[in-house]
Amino acid sequence: MKKHIPNALTLLNLLCGSIAVILAVNSHFVSAALFVFLGIFFDFFDGFAARKLNVQSELGLQLDSLADMVTSGLVPGIFMYKLLSLTVDMPEISNDWDSIVGFEGFKIAILPLMGLLITLASAYRLAKFNIDEDQQSFFKGLPTPANTLLIISLPLIIEFQNSDAINTIILNKWFLIGLTLLSCYLLNSGIKLFALKFKDYSFKGNATRYIFIILCLVLLIVLQFAAIPAIILLYIIMSVLDNLTSK
């Protein structure tokens, strides 16, 4: 039975991601984000469980990537699509069944489709990760869950922090386009980023990880959801500095 536990957790990740897709398509951003958080939680613990139970397998690796493609690939693409849609005049799509089936009156704006570049970049990154044997204790490029947290944080910041200045920035189409392109680059860049995997719990061997976790907690307390973009930036900066000091 124990060999099925990690795969069950992975399937829970996929289930959460699938629910998040439905919610995001219907613009229920907060509820979708909640299921994304749950999915990422299961994504973290499926690998942890596989290592602790010593039941790692090729099946588990492939299943994990398929689940991540939905939770951390498709969902952020839809989020960005919906956010970009708010910056342009989106034609209404008819709810009449005959019109939908016959594709009559169906119109779609082109600009918001740029958000789906994140989905494509995520798929490419996950495929590269599966065939790269070097990424055991570090990542090349931003992991898809981290990128997803960055994207889904935007509507949460608007919803819960409600700052006119911040909202104006987030709902600026040029900001969203720039963030989309930056996201695609970071996912597939060659930047070496440390992984939050502890071989032991000594401070000496994990100083960067412990400092990062402490700073994350401080930022979350002070900035709430606005801390998420700051945490991603901090993650990249600390990784670059760690690479420089380790040479």
Foldseek 3Di string as FASTA:
>chain_A
DLLCVLVVLLVLLLVLLVVLLVCLLVVVLVSSVVSLVSSVVSLVVSVVSCVVVVNDDPVSLVSNLVSCLRSLAVNLLSLQLVLLCVLDPFDDDDPDPVCVVVVNPDDGDDLSNLSNLSSVLLNVLSVVVSPDPPPDFKDFFDHSSLLSLVRSLLVVCCVPVVDPVSVVQSSDNVNSSVSSVVSSCRSHHRQIFGDLDDPDPDCVVCVLNVVLVVVLVVLCVVPPSVSSVVSVVVRSVSSVVVVVVVD
